[in-house]
PDB file of all heavy atoms in Angstrom:
ATOM      1  N   ALA A   1     100.827 114.902 135.329  1.00  0.00           N
ATOM      2  CA  ALA A   1      99.571 114.412 135.815  1.00  0.00           C
ATOM      3  C   ALA A   1      99.570 114.397 137.338  1.00  0.00           C
ATOM      4  O   ALA A   1     100.616 114.154 138.043  1.00  0.00           O
ATOM      5  CB  ALA A   1      99.252 112.967 135.252  1.00  0.00           C
ATOM      6  N   PRO A   2      98.420 114.623 138.050  1.00  0.00           N
ATOM      7  CA  PRO A   2      98.310 114.506 139.474  1.00  0.00           C
ATOM      8  C   PRO A   2      98.686 113.127 139.907  1.00  0.00           C
ATOM      9  O   PRO A   2      98.416 112.179 139.286  1.00  0.00           O
ATOM     10  CB  PRO A   2      96.832 114.844 139.795  1.00  0.00           C
ATOM     11  CG  PRO A   2      96.219 115.331 138.515  1.00  0.00           C
ATOM     12  CD  PRO A   2      97.097 114.949 137.434  1.00  0.00           C
ATOM     13  N   GLY A   3      99.426 113.047 141.037  1.00  0.00           N
ATOM     14  CA  GLY A   3      99.770 111.803 141.609  1.00  0.00           C
ATOM     15  C   GLY A   3     101.097 111.280 140.978  1.00  0.00           C
ATOM     16  O   GLY A   3     101.466 110.129 141.387  1.00  0.00           O
ATOM     17  N   GLN A   4     101.776 112.001 140.190  1.00  0.00           N
ATOM     18  CA  GLN A   4     102.983 111.589 139.603  1.00  0.00           C
ATOM     19  C   GLN A   4     104.091 112.328 140.374  1.00  0.00           C
ATOM     20  O   GLN A   4     103.990 113.473 140.676  1.00  0.00           O
ATOM     21  CB  GLN A   4     103.106 111.820 138.149  1.00  0.00           C
ATOM     22  CG  GLN A   4     102.212 110.832 137.302  1.00  0.00           C
ATOM     23  CD  GLN A   4     102.510 110.907 135.849  1.00  0.00           C
ATOM     24  OE1 GLN A   4     103.243 111.789 135.419  1.00  0.00           O
ATOM     25  NE2 GLN A   4     101.978 110.023 135.148  1.00  0.00           N
ATOM     26  N   TYR A   5     105.155 111.605 140.658  1.00  0.00           N
ATOM     27  CA  TYR A   5     106.282 112.097 141.387  1.00  0.00           C
ATOM     28  C   TYR A   5     107.566 111.796 140.636  1.00  0.00           C
ATOM     29  O   TYR A   5     107.678 110.760 139.959  1.00  0.00           O
ATOM     30  CB  TYR A   5     106.373 111.546 142.803  1.00  0.00           C
ATOM     31  CG  TYR A   5     105.214 111.982 143.641  1.00  0.00           C
ATOM     32  CD1 TYR A   5     103.997 111.275 143.667  1.00  0.00           C
ATOM     33  CD2 TYR A   5     105.248 113.146 144.374  1.00  0.00           C
ATOM     34  CE1 TYR A   5     102.848 111.644 144.321  1.00  0.00           C
ATOM     35  CE2 TYR A   5     104.117 113.600 145.073  1.00  0.00           C
ATOM     36  CZ  TYR A   5     102.953 112.868 145.031  1.00  0.00           C
ATOM     37  OH  TYR A   5     101.876 113.333 145.772  1.00  0.00           O
ATOM     38  N   ARG A   6     108.592 112.649 140.753  1.00  0.00           N
ATOM     39  CA  ARG A   6     109.866 112.405 140.094  1.00  0.00           C
ATOM     40  C   ARG A   6     110.966 112.308 141.129  1.00  0.00           C
ATOM     41  O   ARG A   6     111.013 113.007 142.099  1.00  0.00           O
ATOM     42  CB  ARG A   6     110.090 113.398 139.032  1.00  0.00           C
ATOM     43  CG  ARG A   6     110.442 114.765 139.588  1.00  0.00           C
ATOM     44  CD  ARG A   6     110.684 115.771 138.479  1.00  0.00           C
ATOM     45  NE  ARG A   6     110.716 117.067 139.060  1.00  0.00           N
ATOM     46  CZ  ARG A   6     110.755 118.181 138.435  1.00  0.00           C
ATOM     47  NH1 ARG A   6     110.818 118.145 137.162  1.00  0.00           N
ATOM     48  NH2 ARG A   6     110.824 119.362 139.012  1.00  0.00           N
ATOM     49  N   LEU A   7     111.945 111.430 140.813  1.00  0.00           N
ATOM     50  CA  LEU A   7     113.093 111.170 141.535  1.00  0.00           C
ATOM     51  C   LEU A   7     114.185 111.641 140.650  1.00  0.00           C
ATOM     52  O   LEU A   7     114.466 111.051 139.593  1.00  0.00           O
ATOM     53  CB  LEU A   7     113.241 109.739 141.972  1.00  0.00           C
ATOM     54  CG  LEU A   7     114.428 109.315 142.753  1.00  0.00           C
ATOM     55  CD1 LEU A   7     114.412 110.000 144.219  1.00  0.00           C
ATOM     56  CD2 LEU A   7     114.474 107.872 142.991  1.00  0.00           C
ATOM     57  N   VAL A   8     114.978 112.652 141.000  1.00  0.00           N
ATOM     58  CA  VAL A   8     116.022 113.185 140.129  1.00  0.00           C
ATOM     59  C   VAL A   8     117.292 112.880 140.821  1.00  0.00           C
ATOM     60  O   VAL A   8     117.594 113.226 141.990  1.00  0.00           O
ATOM     61  CB  VAL A   8     115.862 114.704 139.964  1.00  0.00           C
ATOM     62  CG1 VAL A   8     116.960 115.260 139.042  1.00  0.00           C
ATOM     63  CG2 VAL A   8     114.491 115.109 139.362  1.00  0.00           C
ATOM     64  N   LEU A   9     118.154 112.183 140.002  1.00  0.00           N
ATOM     65  CA  LEU A   9     119.462 111.797 140.510  1.00  0.00           C
ATOM     66  C   LEU A   9     120.531 112.588 139.704  1.00  0.00           C
ATOM     67  O   LEU A   9     120.538 112.462 138.463  1.00  0.00           O
ATOM     68  CB  LEU A   9     119.641 110.254 140.245  1.00  0.00           C
ATOM     69  CG  LEU A   9     118.674 109.361 140.873  1.00  0.00           C
ATOM     70  CD1 LEU A   9     118.549 108.052 140.174  1.00  0.00           C
ATOM     71  CD2 LEU A   9     119.012 109.196 142.304  1.00  0.00           C
ATOM     72  N   SER A  10     121.256 113.356 140.431  1.00  0.00           N
ATOM     73  CA  SER A  10     122.330 114.136 139.722  1.00  0.00           C
ATOM     74  C   SER A  10     123.676 113.498 139.985  1.00  0.00           C
ATOM     75  O   SER A  10     123.891 112.936 141.048  1.00  0.00           O
ATOM     76  CB  SER A  10     122.287 115.589 140.354  1.00  0.00           C
ATOM     77  OG  SER A  10     121.088 116.186 140.075  1.00  0.00           O
ATOM     78  N   ASN A  11     124.666 113.681 139.051  1.00  0.00           N
ATOM     79  CA  ASN A  11     125.984 113.127 139.193  1.00  0.00           C
ATOM     80  C   ASN A  11     125.841 111.631 139.466  1.00  0.00           C
ATOM     81  O   ASN A  11     126.637 111.104 140.368  1.00  0.00           O
ATOM     82  CB  ASN A  11     126.702 113.810 140.267  1.00  0.00           C
ATOM     83  CG  ASN A  11     126.827 115.334 140.047  1.00  0.00           C
ATOM     84  OD1 ASN A  11     127.159 115.798 138.921  1.00  0.00           O
ATOM     85  ND2 ASN A  11     126.386 116.133 141.014  1.00  0.00           N
ATOM     86  N   TYR A  12     124.977 110.936 138.832  1.00  0.00           N
ATOM     87  CA  TYR A  12     124.721 109.472 139.147  1.00  0.00           C
ATOM     88  C   TYR A  12     125.813 108.683 138.571  1.00  0.00           C
ATOM     89  O   TYR A  12     126.414 107.868 139.341  1.00  0.00           O
ATOM     90  CB  TYR A  12     123.366 109.148 138.496  1.00  0.00           C
ATOM     91  CG  TYR A  12     122.906 107.738 138.813  1.00  0.00           C
ATOM     92  CD1 TYR A  12     122.655 107.239 140.003  1.00  0.00           C
ATOM     93  CD2 TYR A  12     122.897 106.805 137.677  1.00  0.00           C
ATOM     94  CE1 TYR A  12     122.241 105.884 140.265  1.00  0.00           C
ATOM     95  CE2 TYR A  12     122.474 105.494 137.851  1.00  0.00           C
ATOM     96  CZ  TYR A  12     122.200 105.106 139.171  1.00  0.00           C
ATOM     97  OH  TYR A  12     121.802 103.765 139.354  1.00  0.00           O
ATOM     98  N   VAL A  13     126.184 108.756 137.353  1.00  0.00           N
ATOM     99  CA  VAL A  13     127.248 107.915 136.770  1.00  0.00           C
ATOM    100  C   VAL A  13     128.421 108.898 136.426  1.00  0.00           C
ATOM    101  O   VAL A  13     129.615 108.561 136.667  1.00  0.00           O
ATOM    102  CB  VAL A  13     126.738 107.262 135.455  1.00  0.00           C
ATOM    103  CG1 VAL A  13     127.967 106.601 134.705  1.00  0.00           C
ATOM    104  CG2 VAL A  13     125.726 106.206 135.708  1.00  0.00           C
ATOM    105  N   LYS A  14     128.137 110.087 135.916  1.00  0.00           N
ATOM    106  CA  LYS A  14     129.256 111.031 135.605  1.00  0.00           C
ATOM    107  C   LYS A  14     128.946 112.352 136.166  1.00  0.00           C
ATOM    108  O   LYS A  14     127.807 112.727 136.395  1.00  0.00           O
ATOM    109  CB  LYS A  14     129.276 111.120 134.054  1.00  0.00           C
ATOM    110  CG  LYS A  14     129.659 109.895 133.410  1.00  0.00           C
ATOM    111  CD  LYS A  14     129.703 110.140 131.866  1.00  0.00           C
ATOM    112  CE  LYS A  14     130.121 108.799 131.160  1.00  0.00           C
ATOM    113  NZ  LYS A  14     130.816 109.065 129.887  1.00  0.00           N
ATOM    114  N   PRO A  15     130.014 113.185 136.414  1.00  0.00           N
ATOM    115  CA  PRO A  15     129.750 114.485 136.925  1.00  0.00           C
ATOM    116  C   PRO A  15     128.908 115.378 135.952  1.00  0.00           C
ATOM    117  O   PRO A  15     129.127 115.395 134.694  1.00  0.00           O
ATOM    118  CB  PRO A  15     131.135 115.129 136.996  1.00  0.00           C
ATOM    119  CG  PRO A  15     132.075 114.009 137.092  1.00  0.00           C
ATOM    120  CD  PRO A  15     131.450 112.876 136.312  1.00  0.00           C
ATOM    121  N   GLY A  16     127.852 115.932 136.491  1.00  0.00           N
ATOM    122  CA  GLY A  16     126.949 116.803 135.693  1.00  0.00           C
ATOM    123  C   GLY A  16     125.778 116.031 135.007  1.00  0.00           C
ATOM    124  O   GLY A  16     124.995 116.702 134.328  1.00  0.00           O
ATOM    125  N   ASP A  17     125.712 114.707 135.110  1.00  0.00           N
ATOM    126  CA  ASP A  17     124.669 114.046 134.421  1.00  0.00           C
ATOM    127  C   ASP A  17     123.386 114.113 135.315  1.00  0.00           C
ATOM    128  O   ASP A  17     123.395 114.558 136.485  1.00  0.00           O
ATOM    129  CB  ASP A  17     124.998 112.577 134.232  1.00  0.00           C
ATOM    130  CG  ASP A  17     125.087 111.677 135.424  1.00  0.00           C
ATOM    131  OD1 ASP A  17     124.913 112.223 136.550  1.00  0.00           O
ATOM    132  OD2 ASP A  17     125.348 110.490 135.341  1.00  0.00           O
ATOM    133  N   LYS A  18     122.239 113.627 134.710  1.00  0.00           N
ATOM    134  CA  LYS A  18     121.005 113.658 135.474  1.00  0.00           C
ATOM    135  C   LYS A  18     120.095 112.532 134.920  1.00  0.00           C
ATOM    136  O   LYS A  18     119.985 112.372 133.727  1.00  0.00           O
ATOM    137  CB  LYS A  18     120.275 115.005 135.285  1.00  0.00           C
ATOM    138  CG  LYS A  18     119.148 115.132 136.190  1.00  0.00           C
ATOM    139  CD  LYS A  18     118.523 116.564 136.083  1.00  0.00           C
ATOM    140  CE  LYS A  18     119.522 117.554 136.697  1.00  0.00           C
ATOM    141  NZ  LYS A  18     118.981 118.883 136.795  1.00  0.00           N
ATOM    142  N   MET A  19     119.582 111.756 135.902  1.00  0.00           N
ATOM    143  CA  MET A  19     118.567 110.795 135.516  1.00  0.00           C
ATOM    144  C   MET A  19     117.359 111.049 136.305  1.00  0.00           C
ATOM    145  O   MET A  19     117.429 111.245 137.550  1.00  0.00           O
ATOM    146  CB  MET A  19     119.085 109.282 135.818  1.00  0.00           C
ATOM    147  CG  MET A  19     118.045 108.257 135.495  1.00  0.00           C
ATOM    148  SD  MET A  19     118.676 106.558 135.471  1.00  0.00           S
ATOM    149  CE  MET A  19     119.013 106.339 137.149  1.00  0.00           C
ATOM    150  N   THR A  20     116.243 111.043 135.623  1.00  0.00           N
ATOM    151  CA  THR A  20     114.927 111.357 136.318  1.00  0.00           C
ATOM    152  C   THR A  20     114.005 110.193 136.120  1.00  0.00           C
ATOM    153  O   THR A  20     113.815 109.680 135.004  1.00  0.00           O
ATOM    154  CB  THR A  20     114.263 112.617 135.734  1.00  0.00           C
ATOM    155  OG1 THR A  20     115.219 113.742 135.821  1.00  0.00           O
ATOM    156  CG2 THR A  20     112.982 112.975 136.460  1.00  0.00           C
ATOM    157  N   LEU A  21     113.538 109.674 137.188  1.00  0.00           N
ATOM    158  CA  LEU A  21     112.499 108.574 137.219  1.00  0.00           C
ATOM    159  C   LEU A  21     111.212 109.150 137.640  1.00  0.00           C
ATOM    160  O   LEU A  21     111.076 109.805 138.644  1.00  0.00           O
ATOM    161  CB  LEU A  21     112.942 107.501 138.251  1.00  0.00           C
ATOM    162  CG  LEU A  21     114.366 106.947 138.095  1.00  0.00           C
ATOM    163  CD1 LEU A  21     114.718 106.117 139.249  1.00  0.00           C
ATOM    164  CD2 LEU A  21     114.511 106.139 136.740  1.00  0.00           C
ATOM    165  N   VAL A  22     110.145 108.971 136.842  1.00  0.00           N
ATOM    166  CA  VAL A  22     108.787 109.392 137.152  1.00  0.00           C
ATOM    167  C   VAL A  22     107.901 108.235 137.510  1.00  0.00           C
ATOM    168  O   VAL A  22     107.784 107.332 136.735  1.00  0.00           O
ATOM    169  CB  VAL A  22     108.153 110.263 135.954  1.00  0.00           C
ATOM    170  CG1 VAL A  22     106.834 110.685 136.288  1.00  0.00           C
ATOM    171  CG2 VAL A  22     109.117 111.410 135.583  1.00  0.00           C
ATOM    172  N   PHE A  23     107.248 108.326 138.665  1.00  0.00           N
ATOM    173  CA  PHE A  23     106.486 107.297 139.188  1.00  0.00           C
ATOM    174  C   PHE A  23     105.001 107.826 139.251  1.00  0.00           C
ATOM    175  O   PHE A  23     104.728 108.986 139.564  1.00  0.00           O
ATOM    176  CB  PHE A  23     106.898 106.843 140.599  1.00  0.00           C
ATOM    177  CG  PHE A  23     108.250 106.314 140.613  1.00  0.00           C
ATOM    178  CD1 PHE A  23     109.339 107.104 140.960  1.00  0.00           C
ATOM    179  CD2 PHE A  23     108.462 104.921 140.474  1.00  0.00           C
ATOM    180  CE1 PHE A  23     110.672 106.587 140.873  1.00  0.00           C
ATOM    181  CE2 PHE A  23     109.770 104.413 140.396  1.00  0.00           C
ATOM    182  CZ  PHE A  23     110.835 105.206 140.680  1.00  0.00           C
ATOM    183  N   ASP A  24     104.033 106.913 139.048  1.00  0.00           N
ATOM    184  CA  ASP A  24     102.611 107.218 139.304  1.00  0.00           C
ATOM    185  C   ASP A  24     102.269 106.524 140.614  1.00  0.00           C
ATOM    186  O   ASP A  24     102.291 105.229 140.724  1.00  0.00           O
ATOM    187  CB  ASP A  24     101.798 106.720 138.179  1.00  0.00           C
ATOM    188  CG  ASP A  24     100.335 107.171 138.240  1.00  0.00           C
ATOM    189  OD1 ASP A  24      99.633 106.684 139.131  1.00  0.00           O
ATOM    190  OD2 ASP A  24     100.018 108.045 137.506  1.00  0.00           O
ATOM    191  N   LYS A  25     101.852 107.291 141.535  1.00  0.00           N
ATOM    192  CA  LYS A  25     101.467 106.826 142.866  1.00  0.00           C
ATOM    193  C   LYS A  25     100.263 105.863 142.811  1.00  0.00           C
ATOM    194  O   LYS A  25     100.245 104.769 143.445  1.00  0.00           O
ATOM    195  CB  LYS A  25     101.223 107.943 143.846  1.00  0.00           C
ATOM    196  CG  LYS A  25     100.966 107.594 145.295  1.00  0.00           C
ATOM    197  CD  LYS A  25     100.810 108.765 146.185  1.00  0.00           C
ATOM    198  CE  LYS A  25     100.474 108.367 147.645  1.00  0.00           C
ATOM    199  NZ  LYS A  25     100.278 109.575 148.406  1.00  0.00           N
ATOM    200  N   GLU A  26      99.291 106.263 142.104  1.00  0.00           N
ATOM    201  CA  GLU A  26      97.997 105.443 142.029  1.00  0.00           C
ATOM    202  C   GLU A  26      98.294 104.126 141.302  1.00  0.00           C
ATOM    203  O   GLU A  26      97.832 103.084 141.823  1.00  0.00           O
ATOM    204  CB  GLU A  26      96.906 106.221 141.235  1.00  0.00           C
ATOM    205  CG  GLU A  26      95.601 105.407 141.259  1.00  0.00           C
ATOM    206  CD  GLU A  26      94.508 106.172 140.553  1.00  0.00           C
ATOM    207  OE1 GLU A  26      94.369 107.402 140.744  1.00  0.00           O
ATOM    208  OE2 GLU A  26      93.870 105.660 139.690  1.00  0.00           O
ATOM    209  N   GLN A  27      99.012 104.183 140.198  1.00  0.00           N
ATOM    210  CA  GLN A  27      99.313 102.941 139.529  1.00  0.00           C
ATOM    211  C   GLN A  27     100.420 102.086 140.195  1.00  0.00           C
ATOM    212  O   GLN A  27     100.649 100.914 139.815  1.00  0.00           O
ATOM    213  CB  GLN A  27      99.812 103.253 138.074  1.00  0.00           C
ATOM    214  CG  GLN A  27      98.762 103.866 137.171  1.00  0.00           C
ATOM    215  CD  GLN A  27      99.338 104.209 135.864  1.00  0.00           C
ATOM    216  OE1 GLN A  27     100.311 103.661 135.360  1.00  0.00           O
ATOM    217  NE2 GLN A  27      98.669 105.105 135.152  1.00  0.00           N
ATOM    218  N   LYS A  28     101.184 102.754 141.030  1.00  0.00           N
ATOM    219  CA  LYS A  28     102.310 102.191 141.694  1.00  0.00           C
ATOM    220  C   LYS A  28     103.339 101.558 140.557  1.00  0.00           C
ATOM    221  O   LYS A  28     103.771 100.466 140.661  1.00  0.00           O
ATOM    222  CB  LYS A  28     102.009 101.045 142.662  1.00  0.00           C
ATOM    223  CG  LYS A  28     101.183 101.588 143.812  1.00  0.00           C
ATOM    224  CD  LYS A  28     100.811 100.556 144.788  1.00  0.00           C
ATOM    225  CE  LYS A  28      99.929 101.055 145.838  1.00  0.00           C
ATOM    226  NZ  LYS A  28      99.386 100.089 146.708  1.00  0.00           N
ATOM    227  N   ALA A  29     103.557 102.522 139.615  1.00  0.00           N
ATOM    228  CA  ALA A  29     104.349 102.047 138.511  1.00  0.00           C
ATOM    229  C   ALA A  29     105.274 103.184 138.004  1.00  0.00           C
ATOM    230  O   ALA A  29     104.955 104.421 138.114  1.00  0.00           O
ATOM    231  CB  ALA A  29     103.414 101.687 137.345  1.00  0.00           C
ATOM    232  N   LEU A  30     106.355 102.828 137.444  1.00  0.00           N
ATOM    233  CA  LEU A  30     107.268 103.719 136.721  1.00  0.00           C
ATOM    234  C   LEU A  30     106.619 104.141 135.347  1.00  0.00           C
ATOM    235  O   LEU A  30     106.152 103.243 134.661  1.00  0.00           O
ATOM    236  CB  LEU A  30     108.594 102.994 136.497  1.00  0.00           C
ATOM    237  CG  LEU A  30     109.773 103.781 135.822  1.00  0.00           C
ATOM    238  CD1 LEU A  30     110.119 104.976 136.699  1.00  0.00           C
ATOM    239  CD2 LEU A  30     110.862 102.844 135.547  1.00  0.00           C
ATOM    240  N   VAL A  31     106.532 105.430 135.123  1.00  0.00           N
ATOM    241  CA  VAL A  31     105.849 105.854 133.917  1.00  0.00           C
ATOM    242  C   VAL A  31     106.901 106.602 132.975  1.00  0.00           C
ATOM    243  O   VAL A  31     106.574 106.718 131.786  1.00  0.00           O
ATOM    244  CB  VAL A  31     104.708 106.775 134.150  1.00  0.00           C
ATOM    245  CG1 VAL A  31     103.582 105.995 134.867  1.00  0.00           C
ATOM    246  CG2 VAL A  31     105.049 108.040 134.938  1.00  0.00           C
ATOM    247  N   GLY A  32     108.108 106.933 133.429  1.00  0.00           N
ATOM    248  CA  GLY A  32     108.994 107.557 132.542  1.00  0.00           C
ATOM    249  C   GLY A  32     110.349 107.577 133.132  1.00  0.00           C
ATOM    250  O   GLY A  32     110.557 107.636 134.287  1.00  0.00           O
ATOM    251  N   VAL A  33     111.384 107.568 132.267  1.00  0.00           N
ATOM    252  CA  VAL A  33     112.780 107.780 132.623  1.00  0.00           C
ATOM    253  C   VAL A  33     113.443 108.744 131.613  1.00  0.00           C
ATOM    254  O   VAL A  33     113.198 108.546 130.359  1.00  0.00           O
ATOM    255  CB  VAL A  33     113.520 106.472 132.583  1.00  0.00           C
ATOM    256  CG1 VAL A  33     114.982 106.656 132.821  1.00  0.00           C
ATOM    257  CG2 VAL A  33     113.013 105.411 133.567  1.00  0.00           C
ATOM    258  N   THR A  34     114.118 109.715 132.055  1.00  0.00           N
ATOM    259  CA  THR A  34     115.007 110.510 131.231  1.00  0.00           C
ATOM    260  C   THR A  34     116.369 110.530 131.659  1.00  0.00           C
ATOM    261  O   THR A  34     116.622 110.485 132.935  1.00  0.00           O
ATOM    262  CB  THR A  34     114.427 111.987 131.090  1.00  0.00           C
ATOM    263  OG1 THR A  34     114.455 112.623 132.368  1.00  0.00           O
ATOM    264  CG2 THR A  34     113.066 112.049 130.465  1.00  0.00           C
ATOM    265  N   ILE A  35     117.273 110.548 130.818  1.00  0.00           N
ATOM    266  CA  ILE A  35     118.761 110.586 131.136  1.00  0.00           C
ATOM    267  C   ILE A  35     119.349 111.639 130.300  1.00  0.00           C
ATOM    268  O   ILE A  35     119.152 111.757 129.131  1.00  0.00           O
ATOM    269  CB  ILE A  35     119.421 109.216 130.793  1.00  0.00           C
ATOM    270  CG1 ILE A  35     118.748 108.056 131.581  1.00  0.00           C
ATOM    271  CG2 ILE A  35     120.894 109.258 131.044  1.00  0.00           C
ATOM    272  CD1 ILE A  35     119.130 106.695 131.068  1.00  0.00           C
ATOM    273  N   ALA A  36     120.127 112.544 130.958  1.00  0.00           N
ATOM    274  CA  ALA A  36     120.964 113.584 130.257  1.00  0.00           C
ATOM    275  C   ALA A  36     122.330 113.263 130.712  1.00  0.00           C
ATOM    276  O   ALA A  36     122.712 113.496 131.844  1.00  0.00           O
ATOM    277  CB  ALA A  36     120.469 114.951 130.707  1.00  0.00           C
ATOM    278  N   SER A  37     123.152 112.781 129.769  1.00  0.00           N
ATOM    279  CA  SER A  37     124.470 112.420 130.074  1.00  0.00           C
ATOM    280  C   SER A  37     125.461 112.791 128.896  1.00  0.00           C
ATOM    281  O   SER A  37     125.020 113.586 128.049  1.00  0.00           O
ATOM    282  CB  SER A  37     124.597 110.931 130.422  1.00  0.00           C
ATOM    283  OG  SER A  37     125.907 110.531 130.978  1.00  0.00           O
TER     284      SER A  37
END
């Protein structure tokens, strides 16, 4: 959706992992989290 931004963290807890946080700028809220570990 327009106005949504993601923050992708690689190697956050373990080598090769990825955590993605999706924020909605208009709502000023977290709308999703994905973790691949």
